[in-house]
Amino acid sequence: MMTEPQKIQPRPTAVSAPYFEGCRQGVLRLQQCAACGRQQFYPRIVCSHCGADDLQWHAASGAGRIASYTVVRRGVSAAYEAPYVVALIDLAEGPRMMSQIVHIDADDARLRIGASVCVEFQAWSEDIDLPVFKLLEEQ
């Protein structure tokens, strides 16, 4: 019996659980430091800017811009159908995160550094949804 190839699954921890719960609810959550007010991604136990340990979770806008990207033309396994676009996204709130750009051909001229994107979520398993981004039409 053949099984469908599985994508690598993140394992939520006590620190990252609110992030993954938000993703399941369609909300991109970031930690914000009560001491300095800065937001951060990836989830940590202390602020990466000032070292304080009073971090609270807040919903992010989901808006951002492509800082850099690459087109993967040969997937790492059968679970990742190539080609696909992996990008560094500068979120409107400040943090940078790596994700995938979806709903676009890898050779589309609209795919460029500085392009505006917004978040949406894809199910990676029955238990895990992850943020991906799509291009916004420029005004």
C-alpha atoms as a PDB file:
ATOM      1  CA  MET A   1       0.000   0.000   0.000  1.00  0.00           C
ATOM      2  CA  MET A   2       1.421   3.364  -1.091  1.00  0.00           C
ATOM      3  CA  THR A   3       1.164   6.316   1.283  1.00  0.00           C
ATOM      4  CA  GLU A   4       1.171   9.930   0.257  1.00  0.00           C
ATOM      5  CA  PRO A   5       4.493  11.686   0.945  1.00  0.00           C
ATOM      6  CA  GLN A   6       4.371  13.841   4.071  1.00  0.00           C
ATOM      7  CA  LYS A   7       5.813  17.315   4.519  1.00  0.00           C
ATOM      8  CA  ILE A   8       8.143  17.937   7.422  1.00  0.00           C
ATOM      9  CA  GLN A   9       5.988  18.805  10.434  1.00  0.00           C
ATOM     10  CA  PRO A  10       6.977  21.413  13.012  1.00  0.00           C
ATOM     11  CA  ARG A  11       6.607  20.353  16.628  1.00  0.00           C
ATOM     12  CA  PRO A  12       4.963  23.057  18.737  1.00  0.00           C
ATOM     13  CA  THR A  13       6.525  23.674  22.136  1.00  0.00           C
ATOM     14  CA  ALA A  14       5.167  25.470  25.188  1.00  0.00           C
ATOM     15  CA  VAL A  15       6.758  28.671  23.849  1.00  0.00           C
ATOM     16  CA  SER A  16       5.503  28.346  20.255  1.00  0.00           C
ATOM     17  CA  ALA A  17       2.043  26.836  20.948  1.00  0.00           C
ATOM     18  CA  PRO A  18       0.203  30.221  20.798  1.00  0.00           C
ATOM     19  CA  TYR A  19       1.757  30.869  17.375  1.00  0.00           C
ATOM     20  CA  PHE A  20       0.565  27.517  15.992  1.00  0.00           C
ATOM     21  CA  GLU A  21      -2.869  27.905  17.620  1.00  0.00           C
ATOM     22  CA  GLY A  22      -3.171  31.262  15.843  1.00  0.00           C
ATOM     23  CA  CYS A  23      -2.251  29.681  12.519  1.00  0.00           C
ATOM     24  CA  ARG A  24      -5.011  27.085  12.996  1.00  0.00           C
ATOM     25  CA  GLN A  25      -7.430  29.985  13.558  1.00  0.00           C
ATOM     26  CA  GLY A  26      -6.165  31.927  10.513  1.00  0.00           C
ATOM     27  CA  VAL A  27      -4.335  34.536  12.614  1.00  0.00           C
ATOM     28  CA  LEU A  28      -0.644  35.343  12.315  1.00  0.00           C
ATOM     29  CA  ARG A  29       0.555  35.984  15.861  1.00  0.00           C
ATOM     30  CA  LEU A  30       3.779  37.689  16.900  1.00  0.00           C
ATOM     31  CA  GLN A  31       5.324  38.154  20.306  1.00  0.00           C
ATOM     32  CA  GLN A  32       5.565  41.746  21.543  1.00  0.00           C
ATOM     33  CA  CYS A  33       7.845  42.832  24.364  1.00  0.00           C
ATOM     34  CA  ALA A  34       6.100  44.725  27.181  1.00  0.00           C
ATOM     35  CA  ALA A  35       9.374  46.502  28.041  1.00  0.00           C
ATOM     36  CA  CYS A  36      10.515  47.871  24.664  1.00  0.00           C
ATOM     37  CA  GLY A  37       7.375  47.378  22.545  1.00  0.00           C
ATOM     38  CA  ARG A  38       9.189  45.595  19.707  1.00  0.00           C
ATOM     39  CA  GLN A  39       7.695  42.561  18.023  1.00  0.00           C
ATOM     40  CA  GLN A  40       9.632  39.434  17.146  1.00  0.00           C
ATOM     41  CA  PHE A  41       9.472  36.266  15.139  1.00  0.00           C
ATOM     42  CA  TYR A  42      10.307  33.349  15.783  1.00  0.00           C
ATOM     43  CA  PRO A  43       8.855  32.657  19.239  1.00  0.00           C
ATOM     44  CA  ARG A  44      11.388  32.918  22.098  1.00  0.00           C
ATOM     45  CA  ILE A  45      11.402  33.122  25.893  1.00  0.00           C
ATOM     46  CA  VAL A  46      13.089  36.554  25.948  1.00  0.00           C
ATOM     47  CA  CYS A  47      12.979  39.660  23.772  1.00  0.00           C
ATOM     48  CA  SER A  48      15.622  39.506  21.049  1.00  0.00           C
ATOM     49  CA  HIS A  49      15.981  43.308  21.236  1.00  0.00           C
ATOM     50  CA  CYS A  50      16.265  44.104  24.964  1.00  0.00           C
ATOM     51  CA  GLY A  51      16.389  40.748  26.759  1.00  0.00           C
ATOM     52  CA  ALA A  52      13.206  41.286  28.812  1.00  0.00           C
ATOM     53  CA  ASP A  53      11.065  38.241  29.505  1.00  0.00           C
ATOM     54  CA  ASP A  54       7.583  39.832  29.513  1.00  0.00           C
ATOM     55  CA  LEU A  55       6.365  38.812  26.048  1.00  0.00           C
ATOM     56  CA  GLN A  56       2.744  38.931  24.941  1.00  0.00           C
ATOM     57  CA  TRP A  57       1.084  37.562  21.820  1.00  0.00           C
ATOM     58  CA  HIS A  58      -0.603  39.948  19.371  1.00  0.00           C
ATOM     59  CA  ALA A  59      -2.287  39.459  16.002  1.00  0.00           C
ATOM     60  CA  ALA A  60      -0.174  40.781  13.138  1.00  0.00           C
ATOM     61  CA  SER A  61      -1.682  42.496  10.120  1.00  0.00           C
ATOM     62  CA  GLY A  62      -0.406  39.788   7.775  1.00  0.00           C
ATOM     63  CA  ALA A  63       0.937  42.448   5.417  1.00  0.00           C
ATOM     64  CA  GLY A  64       4.525  42.531   4.258  1.00  0.00           C
ATOM     65  CA  ARG A  65       7.007  42.913   1.431  1.00  0.00           C
ATOM     66  CA  ILE A  66       9.334  40.431  -0.219  1.00  0.00           C
ATOM     67  CA  ALA A  67      12.902  41.068   0.997  1.00  0.00           C
ATOM     68  CA  SER A  68      14.425  38.224  -1.007  1.00  0.00           C
ATOM     69  CA  TYR A  69      13.259  35.051  -2.718  1.00  0.00           C
ATOM     70  CA  THR A  70      14.385  31.986  -4.582  1.00  0.00           C
ATOM     71  CA  VAL A  71      12.653  29.590  -6.935  1.00  0.00           C
ATOM     72  CA  VAL A  72      13.097  25.962  -5.936  1.00  0.00           C
ATOM     73  CA  ARG A  73      13.005  23.969  -9.137  1.00  0.00           C
ATOM     74  CA  ARG A  74      13.774  20.598  -7.559  1.00  0.00           C
ATOM     75  CA  GLY A  75      11.765  19.787  -4.457  1.00  0.00           C
ATOM     76  CA  VAL A  76      13.533  18.295  -1.451  1.00  0.00           C
ATOM     77  CA  SER A  77      11.161  15.298  -1.600  1.00  0.00           C
ATOM     78  CA  ALA A  78       8.032  14.137  -3.375  1.00  0.00           C
ATOM     79  CA  ALA A  79       5.973  15.995  -0.739  1.00  0.00           C
ATOM     80  CA  TYR A  80       7.151  19.345  -2.142  1.00  0.00           C
ATOM     81  CA  GLU A  81       5.977  19.782  -5.706  1.00  0.00           C
ATOM     82  CA  ALA A  82       8.417  21.985  -7.627  1.00  0.00           C
ATOM     83  CA  PRO A  83       8.754  24.640  -8.752  1.00  0.00           C
ATOM     84  CA  TYR A  84       7.844  26.707  -5.721  1.00  0.00           C
ATOM     85  CA  VAL A  85       8.915  30.070  -4.331  1.00  0.00           C
ATOM     86  CA  VAL A  86      10.529  30.501  -0.915  1.00  0.00           C
ATOM     87  CA  ALA A  87      10.838  34.082   0.311  1.00  0.00           C
ATOM     88  CA  LEU A  88      11.988  36.230   3.180  1.00  0.00           C
ATOM     89  CA  ILE A  89       9.064  38.467   4.108  1.00  0.00           C
ATOM     90  CA  ASP A  90       9.519  41.748   5.965  1.00  0.00           C
ATOM     91  CA  LEU A  91       6.306  42.001   7.958  1.00  0.00           C
ATOM     92  CA  ALA A  92       4.672  45.416   8.418  1.00  0.00           C
ATOM     93  CA  GLU A  93       5.272  45.047  12.169  1.00  0.00           C
ATOM     94  CA  GLY A  94       9.050  44.728  11.669  1.00  0.00           C
ATOM     95  CA  PRO A  95      10.050  41.064  11.977  1.00  0.00           C
ATOM     96  CA  ARG A  96      11.304  39.083   9.003  1.00  0.00           C
ATOM     97  CA  MET A  97      10.083  35.548   8.386  1.00  0.00           C
ATOM     98  CA  MET A  98      10.676  32.868   5.791  1.00  0.00           C
ATOM     99  CA  SER A  99       7.670  31.452   4.003  1.00  0.00           C
ATOM    100  CA  GLN A 100       6.333  30.391   0.642  1.00  0.00           C
ATOM    101  CA  ILE A 101       4.767  32.603  -2.025  1.00  0.00           C
ATOM    102  CA  VAL A 102       1.669  30.886  -3.415  1.00  0.00           C
ATOM    103  CA  HIS A 103      -0.801  31.354  -6.295  1.00  0.00           C
ATOM    104  CA  ILE A 104       1.856  32.569  -8.725  1.00  0.00           C
ATOM    105  CA  ASP A 105       3.924  31.031 -11.474  1.00  0.00           C
ATOM    106  CA  ALA A 106       7.584  30.899 -10.449  1.00  0.00           C
ATOM    107  CA  ASP A 107       8.568  32.866 -13.584  1.00  0.00           C
ATOM    108  CA  ASP A 108       5.897  35.575 -13.244  1.00  0.00           C
ATOM    109  CA  ALA A 109       7.400  39.063 -13.676  1.00  0.00           C
ATOM    110  CA  ARG A 110       5.309  40.372 -10.753  1.00  0.00           C
ATOM    111  CA  LEU A 111       7.426  38.258  -8.422  1.00  0.00           C
ATOM    112  CA  ARG A 112      10.126  40.702  -7.306  1.00  0.00           C
ATOM    113  CA  ILE A 113      11.916  42.111  -4.294  1.00  0.00           C
ATOM    114  CA  GLY A 114       9.737  44.794  -2.705  1.00  0.00           C
ATOM    115  CA  ALA A 115       6.457  43.310  -3.921  1.00  0.00           C
ATOM    116  CA  SER A 116       3.590  43.617  -1.427  1.00  0.00           C
ATOM    117  CA  VAL A 117       2.217  40.390   0.018  1.00  0.00           C
ATOM    118  CA  CYS A 118      -0.442  39.279   2.493  1.00  0.00           C
ATOM    119  CA  VAL A 119      -0.723  36.162   4.582  1.00  0.00           C
ATOM    120  CA  GLU A 120      -3.003  33.203   4.173  1.00  0.00           C
ATOM    121  CA  PHE A 121      -2.757  29.758   5.724  1.00  0.00           C
ATOM    122  CA  GLN A 122      -2.245  26.254   4.323  1.00  0.00           C
ATOM    123  CA  ALA A 123      -2.897  22.975   6.093  1.00  0.00           C
ATOM    124  CA  TRP A 124       0.263  20.884   6.282  1.00  0.00           C
ATOM    125  CA  SER A 125      -1.440  18.099   8.218  1.00  0.00           C
ATOM    126  CA  GLU A 126      -4.604  17.536  10.206  1.00  0.00           C
ATOM    127  CA  ASP A 127      -3.010  19.374  13.147  1.00  0.00           C
ATOM    128  CA  ILE A 128      -0.738  22.015  11.602  1.00  0.00           C
ATOM    129  CA  ASP A 129      -1.537  25.045   9.438  1.00  0.00           C
ATOM    130  CA  LEU A 130       1.303  27.317   8.362  1.00  0.00           C
ATOM    131  CA  PRO A 131       1.415  30.862   7.006  1.00  0.00           C
ATOM    132  CA  VAL A 132       2.101  31.365   3.315  1.00  0.00           C
ATOM    133  CA  PHE A 133       1.905  34.608   1.372  1.00  0.00           C
ATOM    134  CA  LYS A 134       0.317  35.772  -1.850  1.00  0.00           C
ATOM    135  CA  LEU A 135       1.129  38.814  -3.935  1.00  0.00           C
ATOM    136  CA  LEU A 136      -1.118  41.844  -3.669  1.00  0.00           C
ATOM    137  CA  GLU A 137      -1.988  43.687  -6.807  1.00  0.00           C
ATOM    138  CA  GLU A 138      -0.069  46.948  -6.743  1.00  0.00           C
ATOM    139  CA  GLN A 139      -2.273  50.063  -6.687  1.00  0.00           C
END
